[in-house]
Amino acid sequence: MAETTSFTGLGEEFPRTAEQLAELAAAGAAATRKLLGFIDRSPTPYHAAENIAAQLRDNGFEQLAERDAWTLAPGQRGFVLRGGTTVVAFVVGASSPAVSGFRIVGAHTDSPALRVKPQPVRRQHGYQQLGVEIYGAPLLSTWLDRDLSLAGQLACRDERGGLRELLVDFRQPVARVCSLAYHLDRKVNSDGLVLNPQKHMVPVVGLEGEMDLRRRLAALAGCAPEAVVDFDLRLYDTHKGTLGGLDDELVFSARLDNLVSCHAATEALCDAPEGMQSTAVIALYDHEECGSRSAVGAAGTALRDVLNRIALAYPEGQMQAFPRAMAASLLVSADMAHAVHPNYPDKHDEEHMPRLNRGMVIKTNANQSYATSSRTSALFAELCRAVRYAPQHYVARGDMACGSTIGPMAAASLGVQTVDVGAPMLAMHSCRELCGTIDVHLAIETFRQLFR
């Protein structure tokens, strides 16, 4: 019999043989390759939402119009796409939500980025440049000297004068935000790099001459230049995501925060078994990185509207269905978590240092920056143990500010018990981030367990 060992961090109660550890690593690598394909096809929230919608359609989900009345039946699979960037999808349970509630995973489709301004064309000292706004809170220095492309959505006039939305992606390097040479700032390594977003983050896209961006966008979209009414474009790094580390145990990619969670939630929902009692739901929002205060953000009504419709449209309608359903439901707010950094371990509380490839992290905060309670933490820990690992825990240092997620907003607006969790990672909000392959697999498996 093969020697048995415990995978440190997965819990001493979950011993694994060498063969089982190898199987776990292989499962992580396979899950990561699929994740990276999704991320590479999703340079903006518009592309992420459309790729998620395509996966849902391929797995029997019907896209529903919010303007229509819905008639739903147990086992039915449906989803809505709001604003082109927010997806709420569900599998109706065998039992009324008023009785068995909802099992929900919430995440977000957006990532920090450089967003093109409405009047972007700039000409300075013989260069063509694009004016950009800083979206969210990116680590600005990580965007320097990278091969950047442009992607996003166009609003265009059709032949009848109506508006339609089209996705565009240049799919090749067209821009670069250039560093200042060391010779012109010899104190940069000792005094630190300070970047002014207005002055120093303007990308170069060419040399002297006229830049007809509208014409180029129209050519990508297959429409006339005069049909392009407006656009929402983001810069992104053209370098594809990859497995990394000496043993392919790491993930090097853009937008891990938070497309890892979106991908895991979608994979789990597509695999939701038939005949489950509770209704399974995923809510993948835009605008989390800038506060969620929008029609497509977590502070909006997208999830509440869908849950209320399901509760009311269930064939065996129940009195006071929605509040009863909320009382019987659990929301897992999934956003990436801070793994301990080997070069900056003092940035973590000594007893709360999540590690890569050790499983999902439960996040708590006394002041409700995270919505986790002792009860919801215990419920999620049971899901982890069903997948044969012990969850990790994260609490911010007492002398440092704590970030937040969609969890507290959803908990407050819906009155639903909520737990904040995430896969551990390094370099959060960098143009290029890092996480572990096994954690990608365990995130999917844990969400599958929630829907079972």
Protein backbone atom coordinates (compact mmCIF):
# COMPACT_ATOMS: atom_id res chain seq x y z
CA MET A 1 0.00 0.00 0.00
CA ALA A 2 1.29 3.44 -0.91
CA GLU A 3 2.65 5.60 1.89
CA THR A 4 0.04 7.95 3.34
CA THR A 5 0.76 11.60 4.08
CA SER A 6 -1.24 14.63 5.14
CA PHE A 7 -1.28 17.57 2.75
CA THR A 8 -0.24 20.42 5.06
CA GLY A 9 -3.03 22.94 5.24
CA LEU A 10 -5.68 20.61 3.84
CA GLY A 11 -6.01 19.31 7.38
CA GLU A 12 -4.50 16.47 9.34
CA GLU A 13 -7.87 14.71 9.18
CA PHE A 14 -7.50 14.30 5.40
CA PRO A 15 -4.49 12.03 4.73
CA ARG A 16 -3.65 11.31 1.11
CA THR A 17 -1.39 8.80 -0.56
CA ALA A 18 1.27 9.95 -2.98
CA GLU A 19 -0.94 8.76 -5.82
CA GLN A 20 -3.88 10.76 -4.50
CA LEU A 21 -1.73 13.87 -4.21
CA ALA A 22 -0.61 13.37 -7.81
CA GLU A 23 -4.25 13.04 -8.88
CA LEU A 24 -5.08 16.25 -7.03
CA ALA A 25 -2.24 18.10 -8.77
CA ALA A 26 -3.36 16.76 -12.16
CA ALA A 27 -6.94 17.83 -11.50
CA GLY A 28 -5.67 21.30 -10.58
CA ALA A 29 -3.65 21.59 -13.78
CA ALA A 30 -6.60 20.45 -15.92
CA ALA A 31 -9.00 22.88 -14.23
CA THR A 32 -6.46 25.69 -14.63
CA ARG A 33 -5.99 25.12 -18.36
CA LYS A 34 -9.73 25.51 -18.85
CA LEU A 35 -9.73 28.61 -16.63
CA LEU A 36 -6.91 30.20 -18.61
CA GLY A 37 -8.77 29.66 -21.86
CA PHE A 38 -11.73 31.53 -20.38
CA ILE A 39 -9.56 34.38 -19.06
CA ASP A 40 -7.71 34.78 -22.36
CA ARG A 41 -11.05 35.10 -24.16
CA SER A 42 -12.32 37.61 -21.58
CA PRO A 43 -10.26 40.82 -21.71
CA THR A 44 -13.22 42.91 -20.47
CA PRO A 45 -16.36 42.32 -18.39
CA TYR A 46 -18.38 42.37 -21.62
CA HIS A 47 -16.37 39.48 -23.03
CA ALA A 48 -16.41 37.60 -19.71
CA ALA A 49 -20.20 37.85 -19.46
CA GLU A 50 -20.69 36.76 -23.07
CA ASN A 51 -18.34 33.79 -22.65
CA ILE A 52 -20.18 32.76 -19.48
CA ALA A 53 -23.49 33.12 -21.33
CA ALA A 54 -22.18 30.92 -24.15
CA GLN A 55 -21.11 28.23 -21.67
CA LEU A 56 -24.52 28.38 -20.01
CA ARG A 57 -26.31 28.01 -23.36
CA ASP A 58 -24.11 25.02 -24.20
CA ASN A 59 -25.25 23.42 -20.94
CA GLY A 60 -28.98 23.80 -21.48
CA PHE A 61 -29.61 27.24 -19.96
CA GLU A 62 -32.17 29.49 -21.65
CA GLN A 63 -31.55 33.22 -21.79
CA LEU A 64 -34.59 35.02 -20.38
CA ALA A 65 -35.65 38.58 -21.13
CA GLU A 66 -36.21 40.74 -18.08
CA ARG A 67 -39.10 42.46 -19.86
CA ASP A 68 -41.02 39.19 -20.19
CA ALA A 69 -43.13 37.35 -17.64
CA TRP A 70 -41.53 34.05 -16.64
CA THR A 71 -43.12 30.65 -16.17
CA LEU A 72 -40.72 28.31 -14.43
CA ALA A 73 -40.70 24.62 -13.57
CA PRO A 74 -38.49 22.45 -11.35
CA GLY A 75 -35.25 21.58 -13.10
CA GLN A 76 -35.48 24.50 -15.52
CA ARG A 77 -32.21 26.25 -16.35
CA GLY A 78 -32.23 29.96 -17.11
CA PHE A 79 -30.15 33.12 -16.98
CA VAL A 80 -30.35 36.85 -17.54
CA LEU A 81 -27.65 39.12 -18.91
CA ARG A 82 -28.01 42.66 -17.57
CA GLY A 83 -26.10 45.53 -19.12
CA GLY A 84 -23.89 43.15 -21.06
CA THR A 85 -21.63 42.61 -18.03
CA THR A 86 -23.68 41.04 -15.22
CA VAL A 87 -24.98 37.46 -15.34
CA VAL A 88 -27.50 35.87 -12.99
CA ALA A 89 -28.14 32.18 -13.74
CA PHE A 90 -30.13 29.49 -11.96
CA VAL A 91 -31.36 25.91 -11.86
CA VAL A 92 -34.84 25.71 -10.31
CA GLY A 93 -34.97 23.24 -7.44
CA ALA A 94 -37.45 20.44 -6.92
CA SER A 95 -38.84 22.23 -3.87
CA SER A 96 -40.26 25.73 -3.65
CA PRO A 97 -37.67 28.37 -2.65
CA ALA A 98 -40.05 29.32 0.17
CA VAL A 99 -39.37 25.88 1.63
CA SER A 100 -35.81 24.99 0.57
CA GLY A 101 -34.34 28.40 -0.20
CA PHE A 102 -31.56 29.33 -2.62
CA ARG A 103 -27.92 28.28 -2.71
CA ILE A 104 -26.09 31.24 -4.25
CA VAL A 105 -22.53 31.99 -5.33
CA GLY A 106 -21.80 35.67 -5.95
CA ALA A 107 -18.68 37.01 -7.69
CA HIS A 108 -17.68 39.84 -10.04
CA THR A 109 -16.73 40.03 -13.71
CA ASP A 110 -14.69 43.26 -13.60
CA SER A 111 -11.01 43.79 -12.81
CA PRO A 112 -8.93 46.95 -12.29
CA ALA A 113 -7.93 48.39 -15.64
CA LEU A 114 -7.14 51.43 -17.77
CA ARG A 115 -10.37 52.63 -19.42
CA VAL A 116 -10.32 54.76 -22.56
CA LYS A 117 -11.84 58.23 -22.19
CA PRO A 118 -14.77 59.34 -24.43
CA GLN A 119 -12.54 61.82 -26.30
CA PRO A 120 -9.29 59.89 -26.11
CA VAL A 121 -7.10 61.13 -28.97
CA ARG A 122 -4.00 63.00 -27.79
CA ARG A 123 -1.04 64.24 -29.86
CA GLN A 124 2.09 65.22 -27.94
CA HIS A 125 5.63 65.79 -29.18
CA GLY A 126 5.22 63.62 -32.26
CA TYR A 127 3.36 60.76 -30.54
CA GLN A 128 -0.20 59.52 -30.85
CA GLN A 129 -1.67 58.66 -27.45
CA LEU A 130 -4.97 57.59 -25.90
CA GLY A 131 -6.35 59.31 -22.84
CA VAL A 132 -7.35 56.80 -20.16
CA GLU A 133 -9.09 56.77 -16.80
CA ILE A 134 -8.02 54.53 -13.95
CA TYR A 135 -10.76 51.97 -13.30
CA GLY A 136 -10.79 50.51 -9.81
CA ALA A 137 -7.49 50.46 -7.93
CA PRO A 138 -4.83 48.80 -10.10
CA LEU A 139 -1.16 48.62 -9.16
CA LEU A 140 -0.22 51.25 -11.74
CA SER A 141 3.46 50.34 -12.00
CA THR A 142 2.56 46.84 -13.22
CA TRP A 143 0.97 48.33 -16.35
CA LEU A 144 4.23 49.89 -17.50
CA ASP A 145 6.17 48.50 -20.47
CA ARG A 146 3.63 45.83 -21.37
CA ASP A 147 2.25 44.94 -24.79
CA LEU A 148 -1.32 46.22 -24.45
CA SER A 149 -4.34 45.78 -26.66
CA LEU A 150 -7.84 47.30 -26.70
CA ALA A 151 -11.18 45.58 -26.26
CA GLY A 152 -14.71 46.41 -25.17
CA GLN A 153 -18.19 47.19 -26.44
CA LEU A 154 -19.51 49.51 -29.15
CA ALA A 155 -22.94 51.11 -29.26
CA CYS A 156 -23.92 51.25 -32.95
CA ARG A 157 -26.90 52.32 -35.03
CA ASP A 158 -28.51 49.56 -37.07
CA GLU A 159 -30.26 49.91 -40.42
CA ARG A 160 -33.53 50.86 -38.73
CA GLY A 161 -31.99 53.53 -36.54
CA GLY A 162 -32.02 51.46 -33.36
CA LEU A 163 -29.07 50.81 -31.10
CA ARG A 164 -27.22 47.52 -30.86
CA GLU A 165 -24.16 46.49 -28.89
CA LEU A 166 -21.15 44.81 -30.49
CA LEU A 167 -18.01 43.40 -28.89
CA VAL A 168 -14.61 44.34 -30.29
CA ASP A 169 -11.07 43.18 -29.59
CA PHE A 170 -7.94 44.29 -31.45
CA ARG A 171 -6.26 41.00 -30.38
CA GLN A 172 -2.76 42.40 -30.93
CA PRO A 173 -0.43 44.85 -29.19
CA VAL A 174 -1.44 48.41 -30.07
CA ALA A 175 -0.44 50.43 -27.00
CA ARG A 176 2.27 50.78 -24.37
CA VAL A 177 2.65 52.89 -21.25
CA CYS A 178 6.38 53.56 -21.21
CA SER A 179 8.56 53.93 -18.13
CA LEU A 180 10.94 56.83 -17.80
CA ALA A 181 14.54 55.73 -18.38
CA TYR A 182 16.64 55.17 -15.27
CA HIS A 183 19.16 57.74 -16.52
CA LEU A 184 16.47 60.46 -16.28
CA ASP A 185 15.37 59.47 -12.75
CA ARG A 186 18.34 57.95 -10.95
CA LYS A 187 16.61 57.91 -7.56
CA VAL A 188 13.69 55.73 -8.69
CA ASN A 189 15.11 52.56 -7.13
CA SER A 190 15.95 54.18 -3.81
CA ASP A 191 13.12 56.71 -3.40
CA GLY A 192 10.37 54.73 -5.10
CA LEU A 193 8.28 55.23 -8.22
CA VAL A 194 5.41 57.73 -7.98
CA LEU A 195 2.97 57.77 -10.89
CA ASN A 196 0.49 60.55 -11.65
CA PRO A 197 -2.53 58.88 -13.32
CA GLN A 198 -3.23 61.91 -15.54
CA LYS A 199 0.34 62.52 -16.68
CA HIS A 200 2.22 59.22 -16.54
CA MET A 201 -0.32 56.54 -17.52
CA VAL A 202 -1.12 57.77 -21.04
CA PRO A 203 -0.27 55.00 -23.53
CA VAL A 204 1.55 55.52 -26.81
CA VAL A 205 -0.27 54.03 -29.82
CA GLY A 206 1.71 55.50 -32.72
CA LEU A 207 3.68 58.39 -34.17
CA GLU A 208 2.68 61.54 -36.00
CA GLY A 209 -0.42 61.47 -38.19
CA GLU A 210 -4.19 61.33 -37.89
CA MET A 211 -5.68 58.61 -35.70
CA ASP A 212 -9.20 57.68 -36.76
CA LEU A 213 -10.15 55.41 -33.85
CA ARG A 214 -13.80 55.31 -34.85
CA ARG A 215 -12.94 53.98 -38.30
CA ARG A 216 -10.71 51.28 -36.84
CA LEU A 217 -13.41 50.24 -34.38
CA ALA A 218 -16.01 50.10 -37.15
CA ALA A 219 -13.74 47.85 -39.21
CA LEU A 220 -13.44 45.44 -36.28
CA ALA A 221 -17.19 45.44 -35.72
CA GLY A 222 -18.09 45.12 -39.40
CA CYS A 223 -20.13 48.31 -39.56
CA ALA A 224 -19.84 51.78 -41.10
CA PRO A 225 -17.80 54.36 -39.14
CA GLU A 226 -20.82 56.67 -38.94
CA ALA A 227 -22.80 53.87 -37.26
CA VAL A 228 -20.50 53.91 -34.19
CA VAL A 229 -22.24 56.09 -31.62
CA ASP A 230 -20.16 55.38 -28.50
CA PHE A 231 -17.74 52.88 -26.98
CA ASP A 232 -16.49 51.43 -23.70
CA LEU A 233 -12.90 50.25 -24.20
CA ARG A 234 -10.27 48.89 -21.82
CA LEU A 235 -6.57 48.24 -22.24
CA TYR A 236 -5.38 44.71 -21.46
CA ASP A 237 -2.11 42.78 -21.45
CA THR A 238 -1.79 40.59 -24.53
CA HIS A 239 0.47 38.06 -22.79
CA LYS A 240 -1.63 34.95 -22.26
CA GLY A 241 -2.06 33.22 -18.94
CA THR A 242 0.04 30.13 -18.25
CA LEU A 243 0.90 27.43 -15.77
CA GLY A 244 4.05 28.39 -13.86
CA GLY A 245 6.51 27.18 -11.25
CA LEU A 246 8.98 24.34 -11.54
CA ASP A 247 6.16 21.80 -11.15
CA ASP A 248 3.36 23.68 -12.96
CA GLU A 249 1.68 24.29 -9.60
CA LEU A 250 1.22 28.06 -10.05
CA VAL A 251 -1.00 30.20 -12.28
CA PHE A 252 0.43 33.33 -13.92
CA SER A 253 -2.30 35.43 -15.53
CA ALA A 254 -4.18 38.68 -15.73
CA ARG A 255 -7.62 39.12 -14.13
CA LEU A 256 -7.43 36.19 -11.70
CA ASP A 257 -9.28 38.61 -9.43
CA ASN A 258 -12.04 37.72 -9.94
CA LEU A 259 -12.48 35.57 -13.03
CA VAL A 260 -11.27 32.55 -11.02
CA SER A 261 -14.42 32.83 -8.91
CA CYS A 262 -16.67 33.49 -11.91
CA HIS A 263 -15.31 30.46 -13.72
CA ALA A 264 -15.61 28.20 -10.68
CA ALA A 265 -19.19 29.31 -10.03
CA THR A 266 -20.20 28.74 -13.66
CA GLU A 267 -18.55 25.32 -13.81
CA ALA A 268 -20.33 24.28 -10.63
CA LEU A 269 -23.74 25.53 -11.75
CA CYS A 270 -23.46 23.77 -15.11
CA ASP A 271 -22.82 20.54 -13.20
CA ALA A 272 -25.72 21.05 -10.77
CA PRO A 273 -27.47 17.68 -10.43
CA GLU A 274 -31.08 17.07 -11.37
CA GLY A 275 -33.57 16.69 -8.57
CA MET A 276 -31.84 18.90 -6.00
CA GLN A 277 -34.29 20.45 -3.56
CA SER A 278 -32.85 23.98 -3.34
CA THR A 279 -32.59 26.36 -6.29
CA ALA A 280 -28.97 26.91 -7.33
CA VAL A 281 -27.96 30.43 -8.41
CA ILE A 282 -24.87 32.34 -9.49
CA ALA A 283 -24.73 36.15 -9.54
CA LEU A 284 -21.69 37.53 -11.39
CA TYR A 285 -21.68 41.31 -11.13
CA ASP A 286 -19.87 44.17 -12.81
CA HIS A 287 -18.52 47.26 -11.01
CA GLU A 288 -17.33 45.60 -7.81
CA GLU A 289 -13.92 47.21 -8.23
CA CYS A 290 -15.41 50.71 -8.14
CA GLY A 291 -18.00 50.27 -5.40
CA SER A 292 -20.88 48.27 -6.97
CA ARG A 293 -23.22 51.29 -7.04
CA SER A 294 -24.86 50.76 -10.43
CA ALA A 295 -27.75 49.01 -12.12
CA VAL A 296 -25.44 46.07 -12.85
CA GLY A 297 -23.55 46.14 -9.54
CA ALA A 298 -24.18 44.30 -6.31
CA ALA A 299 -25.81 47.41 -4.86
CA GLY A 300 -28.39 47.20 -7.66
CA THR A 301 -31.40 44.94 -7.96
CA ALA A 302 -30.20 42.27 -10.41
CA LEU A 303 -30.04 39.37 -7.95
CA ARG A 304 -33.08 40.42 -5.92
CA ASP A 305 -35.17 40.74 -9.10
CA VAL A 306 -34.25 37.25 -10.32
CA LEU A 307 -34.71 35.57 -6.94
CA ASN A 308 -38.07 37.25 -6.44
CA ARG A 309 -39.25 36.14 -9.89
CA ILE A 310 -38.23 32.55 -9.19
CA ALA A 311 -39.97 32.54 -5.84
CA LEU A 312 -43.17 33.97 -7.31
CA ALA A 313 -43.09 31.99 -10.56
CA TYR A 314 -42.61 28.63 -8.89
CA PRO A 315 -45.56 26.44 -9.90
CA GLU A 316 -46.48 25.70 -6.29
CA GLY A 317 -46.48 29.31 -5.14
CA GLN A 318 -46.27 29.91 -1.41
CA MET A 319 -47.52 32.77 0.75
CA GLN A 320 -44.81 35.36 1.51
CA ALA A 321 -42.49 33.34 -0.69
CA PHE A 322 -39.57 35.75 -1.02
CA PRO A 323 -38.84 36.57 2.64
CA ARG A 324 -39.34 32.91 3.54
CA ALA A 325 -36.89 31.94 0.81
CA MET A 326 -34.30 34.41 2.07
CA ALA A 327 -34.55 32.98 5.57
CA ALA A 328 -33.78 29.53 4.16
CA SER A 329 -30.93 30.58 1.84
CA LEU A 330 -27.14 30.84 1.87
CA LEU A 331 -25.03 33.24 -0.21
CA VAL A 332 -21.35 32.47 -0.76
CA SER A 333 -19.62 35.71 -1.72
CA ALA A 334 -16.55 34.57 -3.66
CA ASP A 335 -13.69 36.99 -4.19
CA MET A 336 -9.98 36.26 -4.20
CA ALA A 337 -8.12 36.28 -0.88
CA HIS A 338 -4.66 37.50 0.13
CA ALA A 339 -2.13 34.69 0.43
CA VAL A 340 0.83 35.41 2.68
CA HIS A 341 3.65 37.02 0.66
CA PRO A 342 7.08 35.48 1.29
CA ASN A 343 8.76 38.90 1.02
CA TYR A 344 6.16 40.75 3.14
CA PRO A 345 4.94 38.29 5.81
CA ASP A 346 4.52 41.18 8.27
CA LYS A 347 1.52 42.38 6.26
CA HIS A 348 -0.51 39.47 7.67
CA ASP A 349 -1.80 38.65 11.12
CA GLU A 350 0.46 35.88 12.40
CA GLU A 351 -2.41 33.45 12.96
CA HIS A 352 -4.10 34.16 9.63
CA MET A 353 -1.66 33.51 6.81
CA PRO A 354 -3.36 31.69 3.92
CA ARG A 355 -1.08 29.69 1.63
CA LEU A 356 -1.36 28.77 -2.01
CA ASN A 357 -2.71 25.34 -2.98
CA ARG A 358 -4.16 24.78 0.48
CA GLY A 359 -7.80 25.43 -0.34
CA MET A 360 -10.40 28.15 0.00
CA VAL A 361 -10.11 30.96 2.55
CA ILE A 362 -12.93 32.13 4.84
CA LYS A 363 -12.69 35.91 5.35
CA THR A 364 -13.98 37.65 8.48
CA ASN A 365 -14.02 41.23 9.74
CA ALA A 366 -15.43 42.54 13.02
CA ASN A 367 -16.73 45.70 11.32
CA GLN A 368 -18.59 43.83 8.56
CA SER A 369 -16.28 44.56 5.65
CA TYR A 370 -16.92 40.84 5.18
CA ALA A 371 -20.36 39.37 5.88
CA THR A 372 -19.15 36.11 7.45
CA SER A 373 -20.75 35.03 10.72
CA SER A 374 -19.83 32.10 12.94
CA ARG A 375 -22.79 30.17 11.54
CA THR A 376 -21.99 30.81 7.86
CA SER A 377 -18.31 30.09 8.48
CA ALA A 378 -19.27 26.74 9.97
CA LEU A 379 -21.60 25.98 7.06
CA PHE A 380 -18.89 26.71 4.50
CA ALA A 381 -16.32 24.73 6.47
CA GLU A 382 -18.59 21.70 6.16
CA LEU A 383 -18.60 22.12 2.38
CA CYS A 384 -14.81 22.22 2.39
CA ARG A 385 -14.56 19.11 4.52
CA ALA A 386 -16.93 17.30 2.18
CA VAL A 387 -14.32 17.99 -0.53
CA ARG A 388 -11.64 16.68 1.89
CA TYR A 389 -9.76 19.78 2.98
CA ALA A 390 -9.90 22.19 5.91
CA PRO A 391 -10.61 25.84 5.00
CA GLN A 392 -8.07 28.55 5.69
CA HIS A 393 -8.91 31.83 7.42
CA TYR A 394 -8.06 35.46 6.76
CA VAL A 395 -8.45 38.46 9.07
CA ALA A 396 -6.72 41.77 8.32
CA ARG A 397 -4.09 43.00 10.77
CA GLY A 398 -5.54 45.25 13.45
CA ASP A 399 -3.36 48.15 12.28
CA MET A 400 -4.34 47.86 8.60
CA ALA A 401 -7.49 48.73 6.68
CA CYS A 402 -9.65 45.87 5.42
CA GLY A 403 -11.02 45.62 1.90
CA SER A 404 -14.59 44.61 1.16
CA THR A 405 -16.64 42.58 -1.30
CA ILE A 406 -20.16 42.19 -2.63
CA GLY A 407 -20.98 40.09 0.45
CA PRO A 408 -22.03 42.83 2.90
CA MET A 409 -24.10 44.62 0.23
CA ALA A 410 -25.98 41.49 -0.75
CA ALA A 411 -26.48 40.44 2.86
CA ALA A 412 -27.89 43.84 3.78
CA SER A 413 -30.18 44.21 0.76
CA LEU A 414 -31.52 40.64 0.73
CA GLY A 415 -31.41 39.71 4.41
CA VAL A 416 -29.67 36.48 3.45
CA GLN A 417 -27.04 34.74 5.58
CA THR A 418 -23.70 35.20 3.82
CA VAL A 419 -20.13 33.98 4.01
CA ASP A 420 -17.16 35.71 2.33
CA VAL A 421 -14.58 33.36 0.86
CA GLY A 422 -11.93 33.23 -1.84
CA ALA A 423 -9.04 31.33 -3.35
CA PRO A 424 -5.67 32.66 -2.09
CA MET A 425 -3.46 34.67 -4.44
CA LEU A 426 -0.50 37.03 -4.68
CA ALA A 427 -0.15 40.37 -6.50
CA MET A 428 -3.86 41.20 -6.29
CA HIS A 429 -4.75 44.15 -8.59
CA SER A 430 -1.52 43.77 -10.54
CA CYS A 431 -1.67 43.63 -14.32
CA ARG A 432 -0.37 40.06 -13.82
CA GLU A 433 -1.43 38.03 -10.80
CA LEU A 434 -0.58 34.64 -9.30
CA CYS A 435 -2.53 31.82 -7.65
CA GLY A 436 -2.29 28.04 -7.24
CA THR A 437 -3.60 25.36 -9.60
CA ILE A 438 -5.01 23.13 -6.85
CA ASP A 439 -6.96 26.07 -5.44
CA VAL A 440 -8.66 26.51 -8.82
CA HIS A 441 -9.82 22.90 -8.67
CA LEU A 442 -10.88 23.08 -5.02
CA ALA A 443 -12.92 26.24 -5.64
CA ILE A 444 -14.92 24.46 -8.33
CA GLU A 445 -15.40 21.34 -6.21
CA THR A 446 -16.49 23.33 -3.16
CA PHE A 447 -19.12 25.23 -5.15
CA ARG A 448 -20.29 21.95 -6.66
CA GLN A 449 -20.74 20.66 -3.13
CA LEU A 450 -22.84 23.74 -2.28
CA PHE A 451 -25.19 22.99 -5.16
CA ARG A 452 -25.49 19.32 -4.20
